[in-house]
Amino acid sequence: MSERQPDVMILDDGELDELAVLLGELRVDYRRLRGGAIGDDLEPPRSLLVATPRRAHSVRPGAPEGARAGRPLRLISTEEDSTPMREMLRRQGFDLLVRRPTHREVWRLLIQRAL
């Protein structure tokens, strides 16, 4: 049996430090994996996944094992944007693209909506 999945998961290479700080301040249950600590075929979080395009492929589609509710809200945080990238991310199940730099209030509202 796997351990309980966190409410929020961040997958990045250091670009999402401000989001991690905000989650800590809000006392949100989150797990952050960076760089080489990110494997493949990770179980998704319960409520919110935030990843960079480079790390988007690392999480299984769908909901975490044993979840009662639907799949988590999946966000991509990126500085770049293109139609092919959007299409690829849509196929991978991502819901929203959030452009960096992202205002703190935008993150707070997205977290509140997901939780």
PDB file of N, CA and C in Angstrom:
ATOM      1  N   MET A   1       0.844  -1.184   0.000  1.00  0.00           N
ATOM      2  CA  MET A   1       0.000   0.000   0.000  1.00  0.00           C
ATOM      3  C   MET A   1       0.884   1.240   0.000  1.00  0.00           C
ATOM      4  N   SER A   2       0.593   2.199  -0.871  1.00  0.00           N
ATOM      5  CA  SER A   2       1.405   3.403  -0.954  1.00  0.00           C
ATOM      6  C   SER A   2       0.997   4.402   0.121  1.00  0.00           C
ATOM      7  N   GLU A   3       1.942   5.301   0.446  1.00  0.00           N
ATOM      8  CA  GLU A   3       1.623   6.338   1.422  1.00  0.00           C
ATOM      9  C   GLU A   3       0.635   7.320   0.814  1.00  0.00           C
ATOM     10  N   ARG A   4      -0.070   8.031   1.663  1.00  0.00           N
ATOM     11  CA  ARG A   4      -1.075   8.983   1.219  1.00  0.00           C
ATOM     12  C   ARG A   4      -0.430  10.076   0.382  1.00  0.00           C
ATOM     13  N   GLN A   5      -1.041  10.349  -0.749  1.00  0.00           N
ATOM     14  CA  GLN A   5      -0.532  11.378  -1.631  1.00  0.00           C
ATOM     15  C   GLN A   5      -0.803  12.764  -1.046  1.00  0.00           C
ATOM     16  N   PRO A   6       0.099  13.724  -1.293  1.00  0.00           N
ATOM     17  CA  PRO A   6      -0.125  15.087  -0.799  1.00  0.00           C
ATOM     18  C   PRO A   6      -1.256  15.760  -1.570  1.00  0.00           C
ATOM     19  N   ASP A   7      -1.762  16.848  -1.021  1.00  0.00           N
ATOM     20  CA  ASP A   7      -2.782  17.635  -1.717  1.00  0.00           C
ATOM     21  C   ASP A   7      -2.203  18.258  -2.985  1.00  0.00           C
ATOM     22  N   VAL A   8      -0.965  18.736  -2.881  1.00  0.00           N
ATOM     23  CA  VAL A   8      -0.321  19.472  -3.974  1.00  0.00           C
ATOM     24  C   VAL A   8       1.052  18.874  -4.255  1.00  0.00           C
ATOM     25  N   MET A   9       1.401  18.803  -5.538  1.00  0.00           N
ATOM     26  CA  MET A   9       2.738  18.351  -5.936  1.00  0.00           C
ATOM     27  C   MET A   9       3.320  19.367  -6.907  1.00  0.00           C
ATOM     28  N   ILE A  10       4.599  19.712  -6.692  1.00  0.00           N
ATOM     29  CA  ILE A  10       5.338  20.609  -7.580  1.00  0.00           C
ATOM     30  C   ILE A  10       6.480  19.810  -8.187  1.00  0.00           C
ATOM     31  N   LEU A  11       6.623  19.878  -9.505  1.00  0.00           N
ATOM     32  CA  LEU A  11       7.736  19.244 -10.220  1.00  0.00           C
ATOM     33  C   LEU A  11       8.443  20.320 -11.021  1.00  0.00           C
ATOM     34  N   ASP A  12       9.686  20.599 -10.658  1.00  0.00           N
ATOM     35  CA  ASP A  12      10.416  21.667 -11.338  1.00  0.00           C
ATOM     36  C   ASP A  12      11.913  21.473 -11.200  1.00  0.00           C
ATOM     37  N   ASP A  13      12.649  22.440 -11.719  1.00  0.00           N
ATOM     38  CA  ASP A  13      14.107  22.462 -11.588  1.00  0.00           C
ATOM     39  C   ASP A  13      14.550  23.716 -10.849  1.00  0.00           C
ATOM     40  N   GLY A  14      13.715  24.198  -9.940  1.00  0.00           N
ATOM     41  CA  GLY A  14      14.035  25.384  -9.156  1.00  0.00           C
ATOM     42  C   GLY A  14      13.285  26.631  -9.578  1.00  0.00           C
ATOM     43  N   GLU A  15      12.477  26.541 -10.648  1.00  0.00           N
ATOM     44  CA  GLU A  15      11.763  27.718 -11.143  1.00  0.00           C
ATOM     45  C   GLU A  15      10.586  28.123 -10.272  1.00  0.00           C
ATOM     46  N   LEU A  16      10.101  27.219  -9.429  1.00  0.00           N
ATOM     47  CA  LEU A  16       8.856  27.467  -8.694  1.00  0.00           C
ATOM     48  C   LEU A  16       9.083  27.677  -7.198  1.00  0.00           C
ATOM     49  N   ASP A  17      10.207  28.289  -6.861  1.00  0.00           N
ATOM     50  CA  ASP A  17      10.520  28.577  -5.449  1.00  0.00           C
ATOM     51  C   ASP A  17       9.440  29.431  -4.788  1.00  0.00           C
ATOM     52  N   GLU A  18       8.964  30.455  -5.484  1.00  0.00           N
ATOM     53  CA  GLU A  18       7.959  31.349  -4.900  1.00  0.00           C
ATOM     54  C   GLU A  18       6.660  30.606  -4.590  1.00  0.00           C
ATOM     55  N   LEU A  19       6.281  29.678  -5.449  1.00  0.00           N
ATOM     56  CA  LEU A  19       5.084  28.873  -5.196  1.00  0.00           C
ATOM     57  C   LEU A  19       5.279  28.005  -3.962  1.00  0.00           C
ATOM     58  N   ALA A  20       6.443  27.390  -3.820  1.00  0.00           N
ATOM     59  CA  ALA A  20       6.721  26.550  -2.648  1.00  0.00           C
ATOM     60  C   ALA A  20       6.664  27.372  -1.362  1.00  0.00           C
ATOM     61  N   VAL A  21       7.213  28.580  -1.398  1.00  0.00           N
ATOM     62  CA  VAL A  21       7.166  29.456  -0.221  1.00  0.00           C
ATOM     63  C   VAL A  21       5.720  29.778   0.137  1.00  0.00           C
ATOM     64  N   LEU A  22       4.925  30.113  -0.860  1.00  0.00           N
ATOM     65  CA  LEU A  22       3.517  30.442  -0.611  1.00  0.00           C
ATOM     66  C   LEU A  22       2.762  29.245  -0.037  1.00  0.00           C
ATOM     67  N   LEU A  23       2.980  28.058  -0.577  1.00  0.00           N
ATOM     68  CA  LEU A  23       2.313  26.865  -0.046  1.00  0.00           C
ATOM     69  C   LEU A  23       2.679  26.643   1.420  1.00  0.00           C
ATOM     70  N   GLY A  24       3.940  26.862   1.749  1.00  0.00           N
ATOM     71  CA  GLY A  24       4.371  26.743   3.137  1.00  0.00           C
ATOM     72  C   GLY A  24       3.680  27.753   4.035  1.00  0.00           C
ATOM     73  N   GLU A  25       3.603  28.989   3.564  1.00  0.00           N
ATOM     74  CA  GLU A  25       2.932  30.039   4.341  1.00  0.00           C
ATOM     75  C   GLU A  25       1.455  29.726   4.553  1.00  0.00           C
ATOM     76  N   LEU A  26       0.831  29.118   3.545  1.00  0.00           N
ATOM     77  CA  LEU A  26      -0.593  28.766   3.637  1.00  0.00           C
ATOM     78  C   LEU A  26      -0.818  27.450   4.378  1.00  0.00           C
ATOM     79  N   ARG A  27       0.264  26.801   4.769  1.00  0.00           N
ATOM     80  CA  ARG A  27       0.224  25.513   5.483  1.00  0.00           C
ATOM     81  C   ARG A  27      -0.524  24.441   4.687  1.00  0.00           C
ATOM     82  N   VAL A  28      -0.210  24.413   3.406  1.00  0.00           N
ATOM     83  CA  VAL A  28      -0.799  23.423   2.513  1.00  0.00           C
ATOM     84  C   VAL A  28       0.116  22.208   2.466  1.00  0.00           C
ATOM     85  N   ASP A  29      -0.481  21.036   2.526  1.00  0.00           N
ATOM     86  CA  ASP A  29       0.239  19.775   2.423  1.00  0.00           C
ATOM     87  C   ASP A  29       0.757  19.632   0.989  1.00  0.00           C
ATOM     88  N   TYR A  30       2.081  19.754   0.776  1.00  0.00           N
ATOM     89  CA  TYR A  30       2.615  19.636  -0.573  1.00  0.00           C
ATOM     90  C   TYR A  30       3.912  18.844  -0.583  1.00  0.00           C
ATOM     91  N   ARG A  31       4.211  18.330  -1.765  1.00  0.00           N
ATOM     92  CA  ARG A  31       5.458  17.606  -2.002  1.00  0.00           C
ATOM     93  C   ARG A  31       6.116  18.256  -3.204  1.00  0.00           C
ATOM     94  N   ARG A  32       7.394  18.543  -3.074  1.00  0.00           N
ATOM     95  CA  ARG A  32       8.126  19.162  -4.174  1.00  0.00           C
ATOM     96  C   ARG A  32       9.280  18.264  -4.568  1.00  0.00           C
ATOM     97  N   LEU A  33       9.344  17.957  -5.840  1.00  0.00           N
ATOM     98  CA  LEU A  33      10.451  17.178  -6.390  1.00  0.00           C
ATOM     99  C   LEU A  33      11.152  18.046  -7.418  1.00  0.00           C
ATOM    100  N   ARG A  34      12.500  18.044  -7.344  1.00  0.00           N
ATOM    101  CA  ARG A  34      13.269  18.871  -8.266  1.00  0.00           C
ATOM    102  C   ARG A  34      14.358  18.051  -8.938  1.00  0.00           C
ATOM    103  N   GLY A  35      14.631  18.405 -10.166  1.00  0.00           N
ATOM    104  CA  GLY A  35      15.757  17.840 -10.900  1.00  0.00           C
ATOM    105  C   GLY A  35      15.801  16.331 -10.897  1.00  0.00           C
ATOM    106  N   GLY A  36      16.942  15.787 -10.487  1.00  0.00           N
ATOM    107  CA  GLY A  36      17.179  14.346 -10.500  1.00  0.00           C
ATOM    108  C   GLY A  36      16.297  13.548  -9.555  1.00  0.00           C
ATOM    109  N   ALA A  37      15.647  14.212  -8.604  1.00  0.00           N
ATOM    110  CA  ALA A  37      14.753  13.504  -7.673  1.00  0.00           C
ATOM    111  C   ALA A  37      13.429  13.144  -8.322  1.00  0.00           C
ATOM    112  N   ILE A  38      13.184  13.684  -9.508  1.00  0.00           N
ATOM    113  CA  ILE A  38      11.924  13.416 -10.208  1.00  0.00           C
ATOM    114  C   ILE A  38      12.101  12.166 -11.049  1.00  0.00           C
ATOM    115  N   GLY A  39      11.299  11.172 -10.761  1.00  0.00           N
ATOM    116  CA  GLY A  39      11.332   9.946 -11.545  1.00  0.00           C
ATOM    117  C   GLY A  39      10.265   9.974 -12.623  1.00  0.00           C
ATOM    118  N   ASP A  40       9.956   8.822 -13.149  1.00  0.00           N
ATOM    119  CA  ASP A  40       8.873   8.683 -14.115  1.00  0.00           C
ATOM    120  C   ASP A  40       7.745   7.914 -13.470  1.00  0.00           C
ATOM    121  N   ASP A  41       6.563   8.062 -14.000  1.00  0.00           N
ATOM    122  CA  ASP A  41       5.393   7.308 -13.560  1.00  0.00           C
ATOM    123  C   ASP A  41       5.028   7.591 -12.106  1.00  0.00           C
ATOM    124  N   LEU A  42       5.110   8.860 -11.700  1.00  0.00           N
ATOM    125  CA  LEU A  42       4.738   9.260 -10.345  1.00  0.00           C
ATOM    126  C   LEU A  42       3.220   9.245 -10.204  1.00  0.00           C
ATOM    127  N   GLU A  43       2.755   8.880  -9.029  1.00  0.00           N
ATOM    128  CA  GLU A  43       1.323   8.948  -8.742  1.00  0.00           C
ATOM    129  C   GLU A  43       0.950  10.417  -8.575  1.00  0.00           C
ATOM    130  N   PRO A  44      -0.163  10.854  -9.152  1.00  0.00           N
ATOM    131  CA  PRO A  44      -0.542  12.264  -9.049  1.00  0.00           C
ATOM    132  C   PRO A  44      -0.962  12.640  -7.632  1.00  0.00           C
ATOM    133  N   PRO A  45      -0.917  13.943  -7.326  1.00  0.00           N
ATOM    134  CA  PRO A  45      -1.398  14.414  -6.027  1.00  0.00           C
ATOM    135  C   PRO A  45      -2.922  14.368  -5.988  1.00  0.00           C
ATOM    136  N   ARG A  46      -3.483  14.672  -4.827  1.00  0.00           N
ATOM    137  CA  ARG A  46      -4.934  14.613  -4.666  1.00  0.00           C
ATOM    138  C   ARG A  46      -5.666  15.805  -5.276  1.00  0.00           C
ATOM    139  N   SER A  47      -5.071  17.008  -5.231  1.00  0.00           N
ATOM    140  CA  SER A  47      -5.823  18.192  -5.645  1.00  0.00           C
ATOM    141  C   SER A  47      -5.179  19.043  -6.734  1.00  0.00           C
ATOM    142  N   LEU A  48      -3.859  19.249  -6.672  1.00  0.00           N
ATOM    143  CA  LEU A  48      -3.213  20.186  -7.587  1.00  0.00           C
ATOM    144  C   LEU A  48      -1.820  19.704  -7.962  1.00  0.00           C
ATOM    145  N   LEU A  49      -1.550  19.665  -9.266  1.00  0.00           N
ATOM    146  CA  LEU A  49      -0.219  19.373  -9.794  1.00  0.00           C
ATOM    147  C   LEU A  49       0.258  20.606 -10.529  1.00  0.00           C
ATOM    148  N   VAL A  50       1.465  21.078 -10.172  1.00  0.00           N
ATOM    149  CA  VAL A  50       2.087  22.178 -10.898  1.00  0.00           C
ATOM    150  C   VAL A  50       3.437  21.675 -11.373  1.00  0.00           C
ATOM    151  N   ALA A  51       3.649  21.730 -12.682  1.00  0.00           N
ATOM    152  CA  ALA A  51       4.894  21.236 -13.269  1.00  0.00           C
ATOM    153  C   ALA A  51       5.381  22.207 -14.327  1.00  0.00           C
ATOM    154  N   THR A  52       6.646  22.080 -14.667  1.00  0.00           N
ATOM    155  CA  THR A  52       7.203  22.804 -15.800  1.00  0.00           C
ATOM    156  C   THR A  52       7.093  21.888 -17.019  1.00  0.00           C
ATOM    157  N   PRO A  53       7.137  22.444 -18.228  1.00  0.00           N
ATOM    158  CA  PRO A  53       7.019  21.594 -19.415  1.00  0.00           C
ATOM    159  C   PRO A  53       8.038  20.456 -19.448  1.00  0.00           C
ATOM    160  N   ARG A  54       9.224  20.719 -18.976  1.00  0.00           N
ATOM    161  CA  ARG A  54      10.277  19.688 -18.963  1.00  0.00           C
ATOM    162  C   ARG A  54       9.904  18.509 -18.071  1.00  0.00           C
ATOM    163  N   ARG A  55       9.111  18.736 -17.048  1.00  0.00           N
ATOM    164  CA  ARG A  55       8.760  17.697 -16.070  1.00  0.00           C
ATOM    165  C   ARG A  55       7.335  17.172 -16.211  1.00  0.00           C
ATOM    166  N   ALA A  56       6.591  17.670 -17.188  1.00  0.00           N
ATOM    167  CA  ALA A  56       5.173  17.335 -17.332  1.00  0.00           C
ATOM    168  C   ALA A  56       4.920  15.846 -17.529  1.00  0.00           C
ATOM    169  N   HIS A  57       5.810  15.159 -18.185  1.00  0.00           N
ATOM    170  CA  HIS A  57       5.617  13.736 -18.508  1.00  0.00           C
ATOM    171  C   HIS A  57       5.781  12.804 -17.307  1.00  0.00           C
ATOM    172  N   SER A  58       6.252  13.316 -16.194  1.00  0.00           N
ATOM    173  CA  SER A  58       6.645  12.472 -15.060  1.00  0.00           C
ATOM    174  C   SER A  58       5.488  11.910 -14.239  1.00  0.00           C
ATOM    175  N   VAL A  59       4.297  12.472 -14.363  1.00  0.00           N
ATOM    176  CA  VAL A  59       3.154  12.065 -13.532  1.00  0.00           C
ATOM    177  C   VAL A  59       2.145  11.290 -14.371  1.00  0.00           C
ATOM    178  N   ARG A  60       1.672  10.186 -13.786  1.00  0.00           N
ATOM    179  CA  ARG A  60       0.631   9.384 -14.448  1.00  0.00           C
ATOM    180  C   ARG A  60      -0.619  10.216 -14.665  1.00  0.00           C
ATOM    181  N   PRO A  61      -1.349   9.942 -15.743  1.00  0.00           N
ATOM    182  CA  PRO A  61      -2.637  10.615 -15.928  1.00  0.00           C
ATOM    183  C   PRO A  61      -3.654  10.097 -14.915  1.00  0.00           C
ATOM    184  N   GLY A  62      -4.748  10.807 -14.775  1.00  0.00           N
ATOM    185  CA  GLY A  62      -5.821  10.355 -13.898  1.00  0.00           C
ATOM    186  C   GLY A  62      -5.669  10.815 -12.466  1.00  0.00           C
ATOM    187  N   ALA A  63      -6.372  10.121 -11.592  1.00  0.00           N
ATOM    188  CA  ALA A  63      -6.410  10.445 -10.165  1.00  0.00           C
ATOM    189  C   ALA A  63      -5.461   9.530  -9.394  1.00  0.00           C
ATOM    190  N   PRO A  64      -5.069   9.925  -8.178  1.00  0.00           N
ATOM    191  CA  PRO A  64      -4.234   9.039  -7.372  1.00  0.00           C
ATOM    192  C   PRO A  64      -4.990   7.768  -7.006  1.00  0.00           C
ATOM    193  N   GLU A  65      -4.252   6.719  -6.754  1.00  0.00           N
ATOM    194  CA  GLU A  65      -4.844   5.432  -6.384  1.00  0.00           C
ATOM    195  C   GLU A  65      -5.735   5.592  -5.157  1.00  0.00           C
ATOM    196  N   GLY A  66      -6.930   5.066  -5.225  1.00  0.00           N
ATOM    197  CA  GLY A  66      -7.850   5.098  -4.098  1.00  0.00           C
ATOM    198  C   GLY A  66      -8.572   6.421  -3.902  1.00  0.00           C
ATOM    199  N   ALA A  67      -8.402   7.371  -4.828  1.00  0.00           N
ATOM    200  CA  ALA A  67      -9.049   8.674  -4.678  1.00  0.00           C
ATOM    201  C   ALA A  67     -10.553   8.555  -4.911  1.00  0.00           C
ATOM    202  N   ARG A  68     -11.318   9.294  -4.137  1.00  0.00           N
ATOM    203  CA  ARG A  68     -12.771   9.307  -4.300  1.00  0.00           C
ATOM    204  C   ARG A  68     -13.207  10.370  -5.302  1.00  0.00           C
ATOM    205  N   ALA A  69     -12.518  11.478  -5.309  1.00  0.00           N
ATOM    206  CA  ALA A  69     -12.876  12.578  -6.212  1.00  0.00           C
ATOM    207  C   ALA A  69     -12.191  12.390  -7.562  1.00  0.00           C
ATOM    208  N   GLY A  70     -12.449  13.301  -8.484  1.00  0.00           N
ATOM    209  CA  GLY A  70     -11.831  13.256  -9.807  1.00  0.00           C
ATOM    210  C   GLY A  70     -10.350  13.561  -9.753  1.00  0.00           C
ATOM    211  N   ARG A  71      -9.774  13.643 -10.925  1.00  0.00           N
ATOM    212  CA  ARG A  71      -8.335  13.877 -11.004  1.00  0.00           C
ATOM    213  C   ARG A  71      -7.973  15.280 -10.535  1.00  0.00           C
ATOM    214  N   PRO A  72      -6.709  15.504 -10.183  1.00  0.00           N
ATOM    215  CA  PRO A  72      -6.302  16.826  -9.710  1.00  0.00           C
ATOM    216  C   PRO A  72      -6.283  17.854 -10.840  1.00  0.00           C
ATOM    217  N   LEU A  73      -6.381  19.127 -10.464  1.00  0.00           N
ATOM    218  CA  LEU A  73      -6.166  20.217 -11.401  1.00  0.00           C
ATOM    219  C   LEU A  73      -4.697  20.171 -11.785  1.00  0.00           C
ATOM    220  N   ARG A  74      -4.402  20.212 -13.082  1.00  0.00           N
ATOM    221  CA  ARG A  74      -3.024  20.111 -13.575  1.00  0.00           C
ATOM    222  C   ARG A  74      -2.647  21.408 -14.271  1.00  0.00           C
ATOM    223  N   LEU A  75      -1.593  22.060 -13.732  1.00  0.00           N
ATOM    224  CA  LEU A  75      -1.127  23.338 -14.260  1.00  0.00           C
ATOM    225  C   LEU A  75       0.298  23.208 -14.769  1.00  0.00           C
ATOM    226  N   ILE A  76       0.582  23.886 -15.865  1.00  0.00           N
ATOM    227  CA  ILE A  76       1.943  24.012 -16.370  1.00  0.00           C
ATOM    228  C   ILE A  76       2.378  25.435 -16.108  1.00  0.00           C
ATOM    229  N   SER A  77       3.556  25.603 -15.550  1.00  0.00           N
ATOM    230  CA  SER A  77       4.126  26.918 -15.320  1.00  0.00           C
ATOM    231  C   SER A  77       5.311  27.077 -16.272  1.00  0.00           C
ATOM    232  N   THR A  78       5.238  28.090 -17.121  1.00  0.00           N
ATOM    233  CA  THR A  78       6.254  28.238 -18.152  1.00  0.00           C
ATOM    234  C   THR A  78       6.469  29.692 -18.538  1.00  0.00           C
ATOM    235  N   GLU A  79       7.636  29.978 -19.081  1.00  0.00           N
ATOM    236  CA  GLU A  79       7.914  31.292 -19.644  1.00  0.00           C
ATOM    237  C   GLU A  79       7.612  31.304 -21.137  1.00  0.00           C
ATOM    238  N   GLU A  80       7.680  30.151 -21.762  1.00  0.00           N
ATOM    239  CA  GLU A  80       7.447  30.083 -23.206  1.00  0.00           C
ATOM    240  C   GLU A  80       6.034  29.587 -23.489  1.00  0.00           C
ATOM    241  N   ASP A  81       5.618  29.767 -24.722  1.00  0.00           N
ATOM    242  CA  ASP A  81       4.286  29.333 -25.110  1.00  0.00           C
ATOM    243  C   ASP A  81       4.289  29.102 -26.619  1.00  0.00           C
ATOM    244  N   SER A  82       3.698  28.011 -27.040  1.00  0.00           N
ATOM    245  CA  SER A  82       3.566  27.730 -28.464  1.00  0.00           C
ATOM    246  C   SER A  82       2.381  26.797 -28.663  1.00  0.00           C
ATOM    247  N   THR A  83       1.818  26.808 -29.853  1.00  0.00           N
ATOM    248  CA  THR A  83       0.687  25.929 -30.151  1.00  0.00           C
ATOM    249  C   THR A  83       1.071  24.461 -30.020  1.00  0.00           C
ATOM    250  N   PRO A  84       2.224  24.015 -30.565  1.00  0.00           N
ATOM    251  CA  PRO A  84       2.592  22.602 -30.400  1.00  0.00           C
ATOM    252  C   PRO A  84       2.769  22.194 -28.931  1.00  0.00           C
ATOM    253  N   MET A  85       3.352  23.074 -28.115  1.00  0.00           N
ATOM    254  CA  MET A  85       3.516  22.760 -26.698  1.00  0.00           C
ATOM    255  C   MET A  85       2.152  22.652 -26.019  1.00  0.00           C
ATOM    256  N   ARG A  86       1.243  23.562 -26.310  1.00  0.00           N
ATOM    257  CA  ARG A  86      -0.096  23.515 -25.722  1.00  0.00           C
ATOM    258  C   ARG A  86      -0.817  22.224 -26.102  1.00  0.00           C
ATOM    259  N   GLU A  87      -0.696  21.824 -27.362  1.00  0.00           N
ATOM    260  CA  GLU A  87      -1.345  20.591 -27.820  1.00  0.00           C
ATOM    261  C   GLU A  87      -0.769  19.369 -27.109  1.00  0.00           C
ATOM    262  N   MET A  88       0.545  19.326 -26.957  1.00  0.00           N
ATOM    263  CA  MET A  88       1.192  18.215 -26.257  1.00  0.00           C
ATOM    264  C   MET A  88       0.717  18.154 -24.797  1.00  0.00           C
ATOM    265  N   LEU A  89       0.681  19.296 -24.136  1.00  0.00           N
ATOM    266  CA  LEU A  89       0.273  19.342 -22.730  1.00  0.00           C
ATOM    267  C   LEU A  89      -1.198  18.984 -22.570  1.00  0.00           C
ATOM    268  N   ARG A  90      -2.024  19.399 -23.503  1.00  0.00           N
ATOM    269  CA  ARG A  90      -3.443  19.035 -23.467  1.00  0.00           C
ATOM    270  C   ARG A  90      -3.592  17.518 -23.574  1.00  0.00           C
ATOM    271  N   ARG A  91      -2.817  16.895 -24.480  1.00  0.00           N
ATOM    272  CA  ARG A  91      -2.869  15.433 -24.621  1.00  0.00           C
ATOM    273  C   ARG A  91      -2.409  14.740 -23.341  1.00  0.00           C
ATOM    274  N   GLN A  92      -1.508  15.375 -22.600  1.00  0.00           N
ATOM    275  CA  GLN A  92      -1.020  14.807 -21.342  1.00  0.00           C
ATOM    276  C   GLN A  92      -1.969  15.084 -20.181  1.00  0.00           C
ATOM    277  N   GLY A  93      -3.061  15.793 -20.424  1.00  0.00           N
ATOM    278  CA  GLY A  93      -4.079  16.002 -19.401  1.00  0.00           C
ATOM    279  C   GLY A  93      -3.950  17.284 -18.604  1.00  0.00           C
ATOM    280  N   PHE A  94      -3.136  18.235 -19.060  1.00  0.00           N
ATOM    281  CA  PHE A  94      -2.992  19.493 -18.319  1.00  0.00           C
ATOM    282  C   PHE A  94      -4.150  20.422 -18.637  1.00  0.00           C
ATOM    283  N   ASP A  95      -4.606  21.139 -17.596  1.00  0.00           N
ATOM    284  CA  ASP A  95      -5.795  21.977 -17.689  1.00  0.00           C
ATOM    285  C   ASP A  95      -5.489  23.430 -18.024  1.00  0.00           C
ATOM    286  N   LEU A  96      -4.443  23.981 -17.424  1.00  0.00           N
ATOM    287  CA  LEU A  96      -4.135  25.406 -17.578  1.00  0.00           C
ATOM    288  C   LEU A  96      -2.637  25.623 -17.768  1.00  0.00           C
ATOM    289  N   LEU A  97      -2.326  26.659 -18.528  1.00  0.00           N
ATOM    290  CA  LEU A  97      -0.946  27.109 -18.667  1.00  0.00           C
ATOM    291  C   LEU A  97      -0.837  28.427 -17.916  1.00  0.00           C
ATOM    292  N   VAL A  98       0.124  28.522 -17.011  1.00  0.00           N
ATOM    293  CA  VAL A  98       0.335  29.725 -16.203  1.00  0.00           C
ATOM    294  C   VAL A  98       1.689  30.296 -16.594  1.00  0.00           C
ATOM    295  N   ARG A  99       1.678  31.528 -17.099  1.00  0.00           N
ATOM    296  CA  ARG A  99       2.918  32.155 -17.560  1.00  0.00           C
ATOM    297  C   ARG A  99       3.704  32.718 -16.374  1.00  0.00           C
ATOM    298  N   ARG A 100       5.028  32.486 -16.411  1.00  0.00           N
ATOM    299  CA  ARG A 100       5.928  33.074 -15.426  1.00  0.00           C
ATOM    300  C   ARG A 100       6.521  34.342 -16.015  1.00  0.00           C
ATOM    301  N   PRO A 101       6.801  35.321 -15.195  1.00  0.00           N
ATOM    302  CA  PRO A 101       6.575  35.328 -13.751  1.00  0.00           C
ATOM    303  C   PRO A 101       5.086  35.424 -13.420  1.00  0.00           C
ATOM    304  N   THR A 102       4.716  34.759 -12.338  1.00  0.00           N
ATOM    305  CA  THR A 102       3.317  34.689 -11.928  1.00  0.00           C
ATOM    306  C   THR A 102       3.130  35.470 -10.636  1.00  0.00           C
ATOM    307  N   HIS A 103       2.166  36.343 -10.630  1.00  0.00           N
ATOM    308  CA  HIS A 103       1.882  37.140  -9.441  1.00  0.00           C
ATOM    309  C   HIS A 103       1.447  36.222  -8.300  1.00  0.00           C
ATOM    310  N   ARG A 104       1.877  36.537  -7.119  1.00  0.00           N
ATOM    311  CA  ARG A 104       1.572  35.744  -5.921  1.00  0.00           C
ATOM    312  C   ARG A 104       0.063  35.542  -5.722  1.00  0.00           C
ATOM    313  N   GLU A 105      -0.722  36.574  -6.012  1.00  0.00           N
ATOM    314  CA  GLU A 105      -2.170  36.475  -5.833  1.00  0.00           C
ATOM    315  C   GLU A 105      -2.791  35.480  -6.822  1.00  0.00           C
ATOM    316  N   VAL A 106      -2.235  35.397  -8.008  1.00  0.00           N
ATOM    317  CA  VAL A 106      -2.709  34.409  -8.987  1.00  0.00           C
ATOM    318  C   VAL A 106      -2.488  33.008  -8.438  1.00  0.00           C
ATOM    319  N   TRP A 107      -1.285  32.748  -7.915  1.00  0.00           N
ATOM    320  CA  TRP A 107      -1.012  31.427  -7.319  1.00  0.00           C
ATOM    321  C   TRP A 107      -1.969  31.141  -6.176  1.00  0.00           C
ATOM    322  N   ARG A 108      -2.175  32.135  -5.321  1.00  0.00           N
ATOM    323  CA  ARG A 108      -3.051  31.926  -4.166  1.00  0.00           C
ATOM    324  C   ARG A 108      -4.463  31.548  -4.619  1.00  0.00           C
ATOM    325  N   LEU A 109      -4.981  32.241  -5.616  1.00  0.00           N
ATOM    326  CA  LEU A 109      -6.328  31.950  -6.106  1.00  0.00           C
ATOM    327  C   LEU A 109      -6.400  30.557  -6.764  1.00  0.00           C
ATOM    328  N   LEU A 110      -5.380  30.178  -7.505  1.00  0.00           N
ATOM    329  CA  LEU A 110      -5.365  28.850  -8.113  1.00  0.00           C
ATOM    330  C   LEU A 110      -5.302  27.755  -7.064  1.00  0.00           C
ATOM    331  N   ILE A 111      -4.502  27.968  -6.030  1.00  0.00           N
ATOM    332  CA  ILE A 111      -4.409  26.994  -4.930  1.00  0.00           C
ATOM    333  C   ILE A 111      -5.761  26.883  -4.234  1.00  0.00           C
ATOM    334  N   GLN A 112      -6.354  28.020  -3.931  1.00  0.00           N
ATOM    335  CA  GLN A 112      -7.660  28.039  -3.266  1.00  0.00           C
ATOM    336  C   GLN A 112      -8.702  27.313  -4.106  1.00  0.00           C
ATOM    337  N   ARG A 113      -8.697  27.521  -5.403  1.00  0.00           N
ATOM    338  CA  ARG A 113      -9.667  26.869  -6.294  1.00  0.00           C
ATOM    339  C   ARG A 113      -9.456  25.362  -6.306  1.00  0.00           C
ATOM    340  N   ALA A 114      -8.206  24.936  -6.361  1.00  0.00           N
ATOM    341  CA  ALA A 114      -7.902  23.502  -6.429  1.00  0.00           C
ATOM    342  C   ALA A 114      -8.251  22.781  -5.136  1.00  0.00           C
ATOM    343  N   LEU A 115      -8.070  23.455  -4.013  1.00  0.00           N
ATOM    344  CA  LEU A 115      -8.302  22.809  -2.723  1.00  0.00           C
ATOM    345  C   LEU A 115      -9.725  22.987  -2.256  1.00  0.00           C
TER     346      LEU A 115
END
